[in-house]
Amino acid sequence: MSNTATSEQMAICKRFGSVVTPSPPNLKVGIALSTLNRLPITAVRHRVENDTCGWYIWGGDYSPEPDFYQPLHLAHVPDYCPLIVPYLALATGWGVMLAPGFEDIWFDEALLHK
């Protein structure tokens, strides 16, 4: 992954009316690696903070447990969850839920303040 959005990422941002906001590949996401075999795949983008790009990604049901997420450099997300990569240029406040034949994309202003 690079610091620039792909044409597919730009098209998704345009389709949903989001500012195109790619992140440097050395920033981290919070990703629940042990859940990525479950559906749906969900991702939400909080504010950029420290060395994170704001994305939190999980499969199946969310868990509030403190060890639910593991830090992972954005550059490695395609290796673990390629399905979500086209959506990773959506701006802070956006959320994504994906499953076969299902795509739900939304904006949640509350994510801007978390």
C-alpha atoms as a PDB file:
ATOM      1  CA  MET A   1       0.000   0.000   0.000  1.00  0.00           C
ATOM      2  CA  SER A   2       1.180   3.511  -0.728  1.00  0.00           C
ATOM      3  CA  ASN A   3       0.495   6.942   0.692  1.00  0.00           C
ATOM      4  CA  THR A   4      -1.782   7.687  -2.266  1.00  0.00           C
ATOM      5  CA  ALA A   5      -5.259   6.381  -2.941  1.00  0.00           C
ATOM      6  CA  THR A   6      -5.812   3.845  -5.689  1.00  0.00           C
ATOM      7  CA  SER A   7      -8.303   4.573  -8.457  1.00  0.00           C
ATOM      8  CA  GLU A   8     -10.674   2.055  -6.835  1.00  0.00           C
ATOM      9  CA  GLN A   9     -10.392   3.833  -3.464  1.00  0.00           C
ATOM     10  CA  MET A  10     -11.001   7.217  -5.104  1.00  0.00           C
ATOM     11  CA  ALA A  11     -14.077   5.847  -6.896  1.00  0.00           C
ATOM     12  CA  ILE A  12     -15.522   4.524  -3.615  1.00  0.00           C
ATOM     13  CA  CYS A  13     -14.930   7.874  -1.901  1.00  0.00           C
ATOM     14  CA  LYS A  14     -16.622   9.671  -4.776  1.00  0.00           C
ATOM     15  CA  ARG A  15     -19.576   7.254  -4.768  1.00  0.00           C
ATOM     16  CA  PHE A  16     -20.268   7.922  -1.092  1.00  0.00           C
ATOM     17  CA  GLY A  17     -19.267  11.590  -0.970  1.00  0.00           C
ATOM     18  CA  SER A  18     -16.205  11.183   1.244  1.00  0.00           C
ATOM     19  CA  VAL A  19     -13.055  13.219   1.056  1.00  0.00           C
ATOM     20  CA  VAL A  20     -10.264  10.947  -0.215  1.00  0.00           C
ATOM     21  CA  THR A  21      -8.059  10.359   2.850  1.00  0.00           C
ATOM     22  CA  PRO A  22      -5.355   7.746   2.300  1.00  0.00           C
ATOM     23  CA  SER A  23      -2.905   7.000   5.095  1.00  0.00           C
ATOM     24  CA  PRO A  24       0.816   6.327   5.051  1.00  0.00           C
ATOM     25  CA  PRO A  25       1.443   2.566   5.077  1.00  0.00           C
ATOM     26  CA  ASN A  26       3.636   2.872   8.173  1.00  0.00           C
ATOM     27  CA  LEU A  27       0.679   3.987  10.310  1.00  0.00           C
ATOM     28  CA  LYS A  28      -1.201   1.339  12.270  1.00  0.00           C
ATOM     29  CA  VAL A  29      -4.748   0.024  12.313  1.00  0.00           C
ATOM     30  CA  GLY A  30      -6.458  -1.786  15.154  1.00  0.00           C
ATOM     31  CA  ILE A  31      -7.438  -5.169  13.741  1.00  0.00           C
ATOM     32  CA  ALA A  32      -9.047  -8.160  15.416  1.00  0.00           C
ATOM     33  CA  LEU A  33      -6.952 -10.757  13.601  1.00  0.00           C
ATOM     34  CA  SER A  34      -8.615 -13.777  15.205  1.00  0.00           C
ATOM     35  CA  THR A  35     -12.045 -12.683  13.894  1.00  0.00           C
ATOM     36  CA  LEU A  36     -11.281 -12.113  10.228  1.00  0.00           C
ATOM     37  CA  ASN A  37     -12.684 -15.529   9.286  1.00  0.00           C
ATOM     38  CA  ARG A  38     -16.151 -14.351  10.421  1.00  0.00           C
ATOM     39  CA  LEU A  39     -18.696 -12.240   8.578  1.00  0.00           C
ATOM     40  CA  PRO A  40     -19.534  -9.496   8.185  1.00  0.00           C
ATOM     41  CA  ILE A  41     -16.228  -7.661   8.000  1.00  0.00           C
ATOM     42  CA  THR A  42     -16.681  -4.291   9.673  1.00  0.00           C
ATOM     43  CA  ALA A  43     -14.364  -1.289   9.782  1.00  0.00           C
ATOM     44  CA  VAL A  44     -14.805   2.164  11.282  1.00  0.00           C
ATOM     45  CA  ARG A  45     -12.473   5.138  11.055  1.00  0.00           C
ATOM     46  CA  HIS A  46     -11.809   7.245  14.119  1.00  0.00           C
ATOM     47  CA  ARG A  47      -9.503  10.274  14.248  1.00  0.00           C
ATOM     48  CA  VAL A  48      -5.827   9.856  13.419  1.00  0.00           C
ATOM     49  CA  GLU A  49      -3.948   9.624  16.691  1.00  0.00           C
ATOM     50  CA  ASN A  50      -0.232   9.159  17.343  1.00  0.00           C
ATOM     51  CA  ASP A  51       0.947   6.390  14.992  1.00  0.00           C
ATOM     52  CA  THR A  52      -2.523   5.140  13.993  1.00  0.00           C
ATOM     53  CA  CYS A  53      -4.563   5.957  10.912  1.00  0.00           C
ATOM     54  CA  GLY A  54      -7.849   5.630  12.799  1.00  0.00           C
ATOM     55  CA  TRP A  55      -9.146   2.410  11.232  1.00  0.00           C
ATOM     56  CA  TYR A  56     -10.474  -0.425  13.412  1.00  0.00           C
ATOM     57  CA  ILE A  57     -11.315  -3.658  11.588  1.00  0.00           C
ATOM     58  CA  TRP A  58     -13.028  -6.847  12.791  1.00  0.00           C
ATOM     59  CA  GLY A  59     -15.090  -9.785  11.599  1.00  0.00           C
ATOM     60  CA  GLY A  60     -18.376 -10.999  13.076  1.00  0.00           C
ATOM     61  CA  ASP A  61     -19.507  -9.502  16.358  1.00  0.00           C
ATOM     62  CA  TYR A  62     -17.686  -6.616  18.024  1.00  0.00           C
ATOM     63  CA  SER A  63     -16.152  -7.164  21.452  1.00  0.00           C
ATOM     64  CA  PRO A  64     -15.315  -4.463  24.000  1.00  0.00           C
ATOM     65  CA  GLU A  65     -12.523  -6.629  25.469  1.00  0.00           C
ATOM     66  CA  PRO A  66      -9.229  -4.703  25.752  1.00  0.00           C
ATOM     67  CA  ASP A  67      -7.301  -7.356  23.791  1.00  0.00           C
ATOM     68  CA  PHE A  68      -9.844  -7.554  20.942  1.00  0.00           C
ATOM     69  CA  TYR A  69      -7.641  -5.526  18.563  1.00  0.00           C
ATOM     70  CA  GLN A  70      -4.004  -5.965  17.678  1.00  0.00           C
ATOM     71  CA  PRO A  71      -1.886  -3.187  16.123  1.00  0.00           C
ATOM     72  CA  LEU A  72      -0.884  -3.820  12.522  1.00  0.00           C
ATOM     73  CA  HIS A  73       0.821  -1.547  10.031  1.00  0.00           C
ATOM     74  CA  LEU A  74      -1.543  -0.486   7.283  1.00  0.00           C
ATOM     75  CA  ALA A  75       0.895  -1.911   4.730  1.00  0.00           C
ATOM     76  CA  HIS A  76       0.037  -5.442   5.974  1.00  0.00           C
ATOM     77  CA  VAL A  77      -3.763  -5.133   5.867  1.00  0.00           C
ATOM     78  CA  PRO A  78      -3.974  -6.522   2.287  1.00  0.00           C
ATOM     79  CA  ASP A  79      -2.340  -9.733   3.539  1.00  0.00           C
ATOM     80  CA  TYR A  80      -4.955 -10.240   6.273  1.00  0.00           C
ATOM     81  CA  CYS A  81      -8.113  -8.563   4.986  1.00  0.00           C
ATOM     82  CA  PRO A  82      -7.954  -7.695   1.272  1.00  0.00           C
ATOM     83  CA  LEU A  83     -11.736  -7.217   1.149  1.00  0.00           C
ATOM     84  CA  ILE A  84     -11.497  -3.967   3.124  1.00  0.00           C
ATOM     85  CA  VAL A  85      -8.598  -2.370   1.209  1.00  0.00           C
ATOM     86  CA  PRO A  86     -10.747  -0.570  -1.414  1.00  0.00           C
ATOM     87  CA  TYR A  87     -12.482   1.336   1.413  1.00  0.00           C
ATOM     88  CA  LEU A  88      -9.427   2.474   3.359  1.00  0.00           C
ATOM     89  CA  ALA A  89      -9.286   5.972   1.821  1.00  0.00           C
ATOM     90  CA  LEU A  90     -12.684   6.903   3.298  1.00  0.00           C
ATOM     91  CA  ALA A  91     -12.289   9.817   5.709  1.00  0.00           C
ATOM     92  CA  THR A  92     -12.625   9.882   9.477  1.00  0.00           C
ATOM     93  CA  GLY A  93     -16.199   9.158  10.534  1.00  0.00           C
ATOM     94  CA  TRP A  94     -16.944   6.530   7.901  1.00  0.00           C
ATOM     95  CA  GLY A  95     -17.864   2.920   8.516  1.00  0.00           C
ATOM     96  CA  VAL A  96     -18.018  -0.147   6.293  1.00  0.00           C
ATOM     97  CA  MET A  97     -19.741  -3.516   6.654  1.00  0.00           C
ATOM     98  CA  LEU A  98     -19.110  -6.176   4.010  1.00  0.00           C
ATOM     99  CA  ALA A  99     -20.250  -9.718   3.326  1.00  0.00           C
ATOM    100  CA  PRO A 100     -20.821 -11.654   0.085  1.00  0.00           C
ATOM    101  CA  GLY A 101     -23.434  -9.709  -1.876  1.00  0.00           C
ATOM    102  CA  PHE A 102     -23.694  -7.073   0.886  1.00  0.00           C
ATOM    103  CA  GLU A 103     -22.132  -3.628   1.254  1.00  0.00           C
ATOM    104  CA  ASP A 104     -23.203  -1.061   3.843  1.00  0.00           C
ATOM    105  CA  ILE A 105     -21.292   2.218   4.016  1.00  0.00           C
ATOM    106  CA  TRP A 106     -22.238   4.988   6.445  1.00  0.00           C
ATOM    107  CA  PHE A 107     -21.035   8.190   8.033  1.00  0.00           C
ATOM    108  CA  ASP A 108     -21.232   8.548  11.829  1.00  0.00           C
ATOM    109  CA  GLU A 109     -20.361  11.976  13.174  1.00  0.00           C
ATOM    110  CA  ALA A 110     -19.772  10.454  16.634  1.00  0.00           C
ATOM    111  CA  LEU A 111     -16.615   8.796  15.245  1.00  0.00           C
ATOM    112  CA  LEU A 112     -15.134  12.254  14.728  1.00  0.00           C
ATOM    113  CA  HIS A 113     -15.059  12.764  18.486  1.00  0.00           C
ATOM    114  CA  LYS A 114     -13.765   9.386  19.705  1.00  0.00           C
END
